[in-house]
């Protein structure tokens, strides 16, 4: 009989617990790391089986906003952020017109508010949009150096002066705490994942990485960076894009468990490098002798987006299939088990998942318009 308190028994015991809690009969390999006792779920390249079969996921489009360019209320100039409240209202921040537009669950335009400026309720340079526990809309406006809180009527009810430098892609938990990434400058430049209190005052550094020197920086798409999101129970889920590893922490940033997945990243090829140069300058002549700079990474990042739903599932936008027209999304449950995957158009980014629907931003539709699409998520 296996002793569940031996090192081998810990592995067996943890796997049994995950199987019983999730219903996945083929749980992925699970270990507990001494001395801190962190659970690590080591997922294989394919999703775990449930009741002897793979859970399949499909997305069915059922709504498109913004493809009517003649209607200024229902169209967009440039979509920065998309949120969805518990009632299914769709909230879009247009970072060219510098306004917020709200649509109901049927896609009907409700209202528009905000404009460019420095006065109360005006916007200069939005770098993030979040929903508070009260479902107020929170805009991080670096141009005005403040957080602005709006109710659904568009009234600016509160503002907080930013005490830090630029905070990138902030998220907000139900207690009003914020998490974001920032650069820290000393002898070396570091990128930190930080926690801020409800007054947006720095409280803790959760993780940190050193950045390359100025002359060794690759393009933004190939830079190492943090991606993170708030989960179902106010846990923070974060990872570094060049390592397929998800960290599940509590609301204080204490690591609870970690999930990995076997994956082979795509290579950074000469063709990808040339395509990038052409995007930056379409008229530039590319010499035949050009090669990939030595300071570029050898492979692509594993992922570049994390989105969570209310059920605790974690959707990872990978770069598997990059350049082919469609990329793969991986889905993990709240225990860190890899449960499903699906393909999605490469030019679309899923920005919110709510009530069984996924909401994607498309920078330019077939008609050339920025749009938001809603998809019903079908589980089979």
Protein backbone atom coordinates (compact mmCIF):
# COMPACT_ATOMS: atom_id res chain seq x y z
CA UNK A 1 0.00 0.00 0.00
CA UNK A 2 1.34 3.45 -0.95
CA UNK A 3 2.19 5.76 1.93
CA UNK A 4 0.53 9.05 0.94
CA UNK A 5 2.93 10.95 3.18
CA UNK A 6 6.02 9.75 1.31
CA UNK A 7 7.38 11.87 -1.57
CA UNK A 8 5.80 9.48 -4.06
CA UNK A 9 2.60 9.40 -2.02
CA UNK A 10 2.32 13.19 -2.07
CA UNK A 11 2.25 13.02 -5.86
CA UNK A 12 -0.44 10.31 -5.83
CA UNK A 13 -2.50 12.05 -3.13
CA UNK A 14 -2.43 15.43 -4.93
CA UNK A 15 -3.46 13.82 -8.22
CA UNK A 16 -6.36 12.03 -6.52
CA UNK A 17 -7.53 15.28 -4.95
CA UNK A 18 -7.47 17.11 -8.28
CA UNK A 19 -9.36 14.30 -9.99
CA UNK A 20 -12.07 14.28 -7.36
CA UNK A 21 -12.48 18.07 -7.30
CA UNK A 22 -12.57 18.59 -11.06
CA UNK A 23 -14.06 15.42 -12.52
CA UNK A 24 -11.13 14.96 -14.90
CA UNK A 25 -10.36 11.27 -14.79
CA UNK A 26 -6.98 11.72 -16.44
CA UNK A 27 -5.47 14.35 -14.16
CA UNK A 28 -2.18 15.82 -15.25
CA UNK A 29 0.96 15.07 -13.25
CA UNK A 30 0.94 16.96 -9.97
CA UNK A 31 3.81 17.47 -7.55
CA UNK A 32 4.22 19.36 -4.29
CA UNK A 33 7.48 21.25 -4.04
CA UNK A 34 9.28 21.27 -0.70
CA UNK A 35 9.91 23.17 1.48
CA UNK A 36 7.06 25.61 0.81
CA UNK A 37 4.52 22.97 -0.24
CA UNK A 38 3.51 24.66 -3.49
CA UNK A 39 1.33 22.50 -5.74
CA UNK A 40 2.66 22.33 -9.30
CA UNK A 41 0.37 20.91 -12.00
CA UNK A 42 2.49 19.72 -14.92
CA UNK A 43 0.17 19.55 -17.92
CA UNK A 44 0.94 17.59 -21.05
CA UNK A 45 0.79 19.00 -24.57
CA UNK A 46 -2.83 17.83 -24.99
CA UNK A 47 -5.75 18.61 -22.65
CA UNK A 48 -6.66 16.18 -19.88
CA UNK A 49 -9.48 13.74 -20.50
CA UNK A 50 -12.89 14.11 -18.85
CA UNK A 51 -14.97 10.92 -18.66
CA UNK A 52 -12.57 9.34 -21.11
CA UNK A 53 -12.80 12.06 -23.76
CA UNK A 54 -11.43 15.48 -24.56
CA UNK A 55 -13.65 18.47 -23.81
CA UNK A 56 -14.06 20.41 -27.06
CA UNK A 57 -14.79 24.12 -27.27
CA UNK A 58 -16.35 26.07 -30.12
CA UNK A 59 -17.17 29.77 -30.53
CA UNK A 60 -20.28 30.85 -32.44
CA UNK A 61 -20.55 34.54 -33.39
CA UNK A 62 -23.89 36.09 -32.42
CA UNK A 63 -23.23 39.86 -32.32
CA UNK A 64 -21.02 42.43 -34.04
CA UNK A 65 -20.71 46.07 -32.92
CA UNK A 66 -19.17 48.88 -34.94
CA UNK A 67 -19.36 47.73 -38.55
CA UNK A 68 -21.86 50.47 -39.50
CA UNK A 69 -19.54 53.39 -40.23
CA UNK A 70 -22.41 55.82 -40.90
CA UNK A 71 -23.67 55.63 -37.30
CA UNK A 72 -21.27 57.57 -35.08
CA UNK A 73 -22.90 56.33 -31.87
CA UNK A 74 -22.52 52.68 -32.81
CA UNK A 75 -19.12 52.83 -34.53
CA UNK A 76 -15.58 53.20 -33.23
CA UNK A 77 -12.44 55.06 -34.28
CA UNK A 78 -10.02 52.82 -32.36
CA UNK A 79 -10.86 50.23 -29.70
CA UNK A 80 -8.56 50.13 -26.68
CA UNK A 81 -10.48 48.16 -24.03
CA UNK A 82 -13.66 46.09 -23.79
CA UNK A 83 -15.47 45.21 -20.54
CA UNK A 84 -18.74 43.43 -19.83
CA UNK A 85 -20.76 43.98 -16.63
CA UNK A 86 -22.82 41.30 -14.84
CA UNK A 87 -25.96 42.29 -16.81
CA UNK A 88 -24.19 41.74 -20.12
CA UNK A 89 -23.79 45.43 -21.00
CA UNK A 90 -20.79 45.96 -23.26
CA UNK A 91 -18.46 48.84 -22.36
CA UNK A 92 -15.96 50.01 -24.99
CA UNK A 93 -13.23 52.61 -24.58
CA UNK A 94 -12.36 54.38 -27.83
CA UNK A 95 -8.81 55.70 -27.46
CA UNK A 96 -8.96 57.86 -30.60
CA UNK A 97 -12.26 59.63 -29.90
CA UNK A 98 -11.40 59.41 -26.16
CA UNK A 99 -14.84 58.34 -25.02
CA UNK A 100 -16.65 55.39 -23.49
CA UNK A 101 -19.62 53.80 -25.26
CA UNK A 102 -22.08 51.43 -23.59
CA UNK A 103 -24.32 48.91 -25.36
CA UNK A 104 -26.91 46.59 -23.82
CA UNK A 105 -26.80 42.80 -24.10
CA UNK A 106 -28.72 42.94 -27.40
CA UNK A 107 -26.14 45.33 -28.87
CA UNK A 108 -28.33 48.43 -28.69
CA UNK A 109 -26.44 51.67 -28.08
CA UNK A 110 -27.23 53.13 -24.64
CA UNK A 111 -24.96 56.10 -24.10
CA UNK A 112 -21.64 57.74 -24.73
CA UNK A 113 -19.60 59.86 -22.33
CA UNK A 114 -16.12 61.31 -21.92
CA UNK A 115 -14.11 63.56 -24.20
CA UNK A 116 -10.55 64.75 -24.72
CA UNK A 117 -9.38 67.21 -22.11
CA UNK A 118 -7.99 67.80 -18.64
CA UNK A 119 -11.17 68.74 -16.78
CA UNK A 120 -13.30 66.53 -14.52
CA UNK A 121 -14.48 63.46 -16.43
CA UNK A 122 -12.26 64.25 -19.42
CA UNK A 123 -9.62 61.87 -20.78
CA UNK A 124 -6.13 62.37 -22.16
CA UNK A 125 -4.21 59.10 -22.38
CA UNK A 126 -6.11 56.01 -21.14
CA UNK A 127 -3.86 53.07 -20.22
CA UNK A 128 -6.43 50.82 -18.59
CA UNK A 129 -10.15 50.30 -17.96
CA UNK A 130 -11.59 48.23 -15.10
CA UNK A 131 -14.87 47.54 -13.31
CA UNK A 132 -15.13 48.06 -9.55
CA UNK A 133 -17.14 45.79 -7.26
CA UNK A 134 -19.96 48.35 -7.55
CA UNK A 135 -19.62 48.12 -11.36
CA UNK A 136 -18.31 51.66 -11.65
CA UNK A 137 -16.04 52.15 -14.66
CA UNK A 138 -12.47 52.95 -13.65
CA UNK A 139 -10.14 54.61 -16.20
CA UNK A 140 -6.42 54.88 -15.59
CA UNK A 141 -5.54 58.11 -17.41
CA UNK A 142 -1.77 58.63 -17.55
CA UNK A 143 -2.18 61.84 -19.54
CA UNK A 144 -4.12 63.41 -16.66
CA UNK A 145 -2.14 61.50 -14.02
CA UNK A 146 -5.27 60.13 -12.33
CA UNK A 147 -7.74 57.31 -11.91
CA UNK A 148 -11.26 58.41 -12.85
CA UNK A 149 -14.34 56.57 -11.55
CA UNK A 150 -17.56 56.83 -13.60
CA UNK A 151 -21.01 55.45 -12.85
CA UNK A 152 -23.06 53.92 -15.67
CA UNK A 153 -24.73 57.28 -16.34
CA UNK A 154 -21.34 58.71 -17.27
CA UNK A 155 -20.95 60.88 -14.18
CA UNK A 156 -17.41 61.15 -12.86
CA UNK A 157 -17.94 60.36 -9.17
CA UNK A 158 -14.35 60.16 -7.96
CA UNK A 159 -10.74 60.63 -9.03
CA UNK A 160 -7.44 59.56 -7.47
CA UNK A 161 -4.15 61.22 -8.28
CA UNK A 162 -1.53 58.77 -9.49
CA UNK A 163 1.48 58.66 -7.20
CA UNK A 164 3.55 56.34 -9.37
CA UNK A 165 4.98 56.54 -12.87
CA UNK A 166 3.40 54.64 -15.72
CA UNK A 167 1.56 51.50 -14.62
CA UNK A 168 0.80 49.16 -17.50
CA UNK A 169 -2.41 47.13 -18.03
CA UNK A 170 -3.72 47.40 -14.46
CA UNK A 171 -6.39 45.05 -13.10
CA UNK A 172 -8.60 45.57 -10.03
CA UNK A 173 -9.93 43.06 -7.52
CA UNK A 174 -13.23 43.19 -5.63
CA UNK A 175 -11.58 44.83 -2.59
CA UNK A 176 -10.40 47.75 -4.70
CA UNK A 177 -6.73 46.71 -4.84
CA UNK A 178 -4.83 47.07 -8.10
CA UNK A 179 -2.15 44.99 -9.80
CA UNK A 180 -0.02 46.19 -12.70
CA UNK A 181 3.46 46.20 -14.17
CA UNK A 182 5.95 49.06 -14.04
CA UNK A 183 9.56 49.75 -14.95
CA UNK A 184 12.01 50.42 -12.11
CA UNK A 185 15.19 52.29 -12.97
CA UNK A 186 18.51 51.91 -11.11
CA UNK A 187 21.82 50.48 -12.34
CA UNK A 188 19.73 48.05 -14.34
CA UNK A 189 16.19 48.42 -15.61
CA UNK A 190 13.71 46.00 -14.04
CA UNK A 191 10.12 45.22 -14.90
CA UNK A 192 8.05 44.64 -11.76
CA UNK A 193 4.66 43.10 -11.17
CA UNK A 194 3.27 45.17 -8.31
CA UNK A 195 0.31 45.47 -5.97
CA UNK A 196 -1.25 48.86 -5.14
CA UNK A 197 -3.79 49.70 -2.45
CA UNK A 198 -7.24 51.27 -3.17
CA UNK A 199 -5.64 54.73 -3.17
CA UNK A 200 -3.24 53.50 -5.85
CA UNK A 201 -0.27 53.61 -3.45
CA UNK A 202 2.49 51.06 -4.03
CA UNK A 203 2.21 48.20 -1.54
CA UNK A 204 4.32 45.25 -2.72
CA UNK A 205 6.43 43.79 -5.52
CA UNK A 206 5.11 40.35 -6.44
CA UNK A 207 7.69 39.47 -9.10
CA UNK A 208 10.53 41.17 -10.96
CA UNK A 209 12.70 40.57 -14.03
CA UNK A 210 15.74 42.42 -15.36
CA UNK A 211 15.33 43.99 -18.78
CA UNK A 212 18.01 44.08 -21.51
CA UNK A 213 19.99 47.23 -22.20
CA UNK A 214 18.69 49.94 -24.50
CA UNK A 215 20.70 48.69 -27.49
CA UNK A 216 19.58 45.10 -26.92
CA UNK A 217 15.83 45.62 -26.82
CA UNK A 218 13.86 43.50 -29.31
CA UNK A 219 10.54 44.74 -30.74
CA UNK A 220 7.70 45.06 -28.23
CA UNK A 221 6.12 41.80 -29.46
CA UNK A 222 9.30 39.90 -28.57
CA UNK A 223 9.98 41.50 -25.19
CA UNK A 224 9.66 39.51 -21.99
CA UNK A 225 6.73 40.81 -19.97
CA UNK A 226 4.11 39.94 -17.39
CA UNK A 227 0.54 39.00 -18.23
CA UNK A 228 -1.97 38.78 -15.40
CA UNK A 229 -5.66 38.76 -14.53
CA UNK A 230 -7.96 38.52 -11.51
CA UNK A 231 -9.58 35.11 -11.08
CA UNK A 232 -12.90 33.95 -9.66
CA UNK A 233 -12.01 34.24 -5.97
CA UNK A 234 -9.92 37.42 -6.17
CA UNK A 235 -6.82 35.35 -6.82
CA UNK A 236 -4.17 36.83 -9.11
CA UNK A 237 -3.14 34.65 -12.03
CA UNK A 238 0.08 35.73 -13.71
CA UNK A 239 2.87 34.51 -15.92
CA UNK A 240 5.86 35.55 -18.01
CA UNK A 241 5.25 35.21 -21.72
CA UNK A 242 8.55 33.40 -22.46
CA UNK A 243 7.80 30.63 -19.94
CA UNK A 244 4.63 28.56 -20.11
CA UNK A 245 3.93 28.72 -16.41
CA UNK A 246 0.87 30.14 -14.65
CA UNK A 247 1.15 31.32 -11.05
CA UNK A 248 -1.99 31.32 -8.91
CA UNK A 249 -1.65 33.62 -5.90
CA UNK A 250 -3.99 34.82 -3.18
CA UNK A 251 -5.06 38.47 -2.99
CA UNK A 252 -1.88 39.31 -1.06
CA UNK A 253 0.33 37.87 -3.78
CA UNK A 254 1.25 34.67 -1.89
CA UNK A 255 1.82 31.80 -4.29
CA UNK A 256 -0.78 29.03 -3.91
CA UNK A 257 -0.05 26.80 -6.90
CA UNK A 258 1.57 26.78 -10.28
CA UNK A 259 0.57 25.22 -13.60
CA UNK A 260 2.79 24.42 -16.58
CA UNK A 261 2.08 23.00 -20.00
CA UNK A 262 4.39 21.22 -22.42
CA UNK A 263 4.62 23.36 -25.53
CA UNK A 264 7.03 23.95 -28.39
CA UNK A 265 7.23 27.67 -29.22
CA UNK A 266 7.52 28.92 -32.78
CA UNK A 267 10.88 30.12 -34.04
CA UNK A 268 11.75 33.74 -34.77
CA UNK A 269 12.49 33.37 -38.49
CA UNK A 270 13.99 35.70 -41.04
CA UNK A 271 10.61 35.92 -42.81
CA UNK A 272 8.91 37.08 -39.61
CA UNK A 273 11.66 39.65 -39.11
CA UNK A 274 11.27 40.97 -42.68
CA UNK A 275 7.46 41.12 -42.34
CA UNK A 276 7.89 43.17 -39.17
CA UNK A 277 10.17 45.63 -40.99
CA UNK A 278 7.64 45.94 -43.82
CA UNK A 279 4.83 46.65 -41.35
CA UNK A 280 6.86 49.46 -39.80
CA UNK A 281 7.84 50.95 -43.16
CA UNK A 282 6.02 49.51 -46.21
CA UNK A 283 8.19 51.52 -48.64
CA UNK A 284 11.49 50.38 -47.18
CA UNK A 285 13.73 48.33 -49.45
CA UNK A 286 14.85 45.14 -47.70
CA UNK A 287 18.37 44.03 -48.75
CA UNK A 288 18.91 40.32 -49.41
CA UNK A 289 21.76 40.27 -46.90
CA UNK A 290 19.62 41.32 -43.93
CA UNK A 291 19.55 38.90 -41.01
CA UNK A 292 17.90 38.62 -37.60
CA UNK A 293 19.73 40.77 -35.01
CA UNK A 294 21.67 38.72 -32.46
CA UNK A 295 19.83 40.21 -29.49
CA UNK A 296 16.45 38.93 -30.72
CA UNK A 297 15.10 35.85 -28.88
CA UNK A 298 15.37 32.55 -30.70
CA UNK A 299 11.71 31.71 -30.29
CA UNK A 300 8.35 33.45 -30.02
CA UNK A 301 6.62 34.00 -26.67
CA UNK A 302 4.39 31.17 -25.52
CA UNK A 303 1.39 33.47 -24.98
CA UNK A 304 0.33 37.14 -25.02
CA UNK A 305 -2.99 37.31 -23.16
CA UNK A 306 -4.76 35.94 -20.08
CA UNK A 307 -8.55 36.22 -19.63
CA UNK A 308 -10.67 34.65 -16.86
CA UNK A 309 -14.38 33.86 -16.62
CA UNK A 310 -16.71 33.77 -13.59
CA UNK A 311 -16.38 29.99 -13.29
CA UNK A 312 -12.66 30.18 -12.58
CA UNK A 313 -11.52 29.09 -16.04
CA UNK A 314 -8.39 30.69 -17.44
CA UNK A 315 -8.13 31.36 -21.20
CA UNK A 316 -4.59 31.72 -22.57
CA UNK A 317 -4.01 33.22 -26.01
CA UNK A 318 -0.98 31.31 -27.24
CA UNK A 319 1.14 32.03 -30.30
CA UNK A 320 0.73 28.49 -31.62
CA UNK A 321 -0.17 28.97 -35.28
CA UNK A 322 1.24 32.52 -35.40
CA UNK A 323 1.36 33.74 -39.00
CA UNK A 324 -1.10 31.09 -40.25
CA UNK A 325 -4.27 33.15 -39.82
CA UNK A 326 -5.50 31.40 -36.67
CA UNK A 327 -3.96 30.88 -33.26
CA UNK A 328 -4.74 28.55 -30.36
CA UNK A 329 -6.40 29.43 -27.07
CA UNK A 330 -5.68 27.08 -24.17
CA UNK A 331 -8.18 26.71 -21.31
CA UNK A 332 -7.28 25.79 -17.72
CA UNK A 333 -9.65 25.21 -14.82
CA UNK A 334 -9.23 26.89 -11.45
CA UNK A 335 -7.01 24.04 -10.26
CA UNK A 336 -4.53 24.64 -13.07
CA UNK A 337 -5.51 21.60 -15.15
CA UNK A 338 -5.40 22.04 -18.93
CA UNK A 339 -8.95 21.11 -19.96
CA UNK A 340 -9.57 22.29 -23.53
CA UNK A 341 -8.43 24.41 -26.48
CA UNK A 342 -9.78 26.06 -29.61
CA UNK A 343 -8.58 27.92 -32.68
CA UNK A 344 -9.52 31.54 -33.28
CA UNK A 345 -8.75 34.13 -36.00
CA UNK A 346 -5.32 35.62 -35.43
CA UNK A 347 -6.50 39.20 -36.01
CA UNK A 348 -9.01 38.99 -33.12
CA UNK A 349 -8.19 39.35 -29.44
CA UNK A 350 -10.60 38.06 -26.81
CA UNK A 351 -10.72 40.76 -24.14
CA UNK A 352 -13.57 39.64 -21.87
CA UNK A 353 -15.52 36.47 -21.06
CA UNK A 354 -18.82 36.76 -19.22
CA UNK A 355 -21.97 34.63 -18.89
CA UNK A 356 -20.76 32.04 -21.40
CA UNK A 357 -19.81 34.61 -24.04
CA UNK A 358 -16.44 35.74 -25.35
CA UNK A 359 -15.95 39.34 -26.50
CA UNK A 360 -13.23 40.00 -29.07
CA UNK A 361 -11.65 43.19 -30.37
CA UNK A 362 -10.91 43.40 -34.10
CA UNK A 363 -8.83 46.41 -35.05
CA UNK A 364 -10.02 46.32 -38.66
CA UNK A 365 -12.91 44.29 -40.07
CA UNK A 366 -13.32 43.28 -43.71
CA UNK A 367 -14.97 46.69 -44.18
CA UNK A 368 -11.99 48.39 -42.55
CA UNK A 369 -13.80 49.26 -39.31
CA UNK A 370 -12.78 48.55 -35.70
CA UNK A 371 -15.41 46.17 -34.29
CA UNK A 372 -16.33 44.14 -31.22
CA UNK A 373 -17.66 40.64 -31.77
CA UNK A 374 -19.49 38.49 -29.26
CA UNK A 375 -19.25 34.69 -29.45
CA UNK A 376 -21.29 32.06 -27.60
CA UNK A 377 -18.94 29.50 -26.07
CA UNK A 378 -20.13 25.96 -26.79
CA UNK A 379 -18.77 23.10 -24.65
CA UNK A 380 -19.05 19.57 -26.06
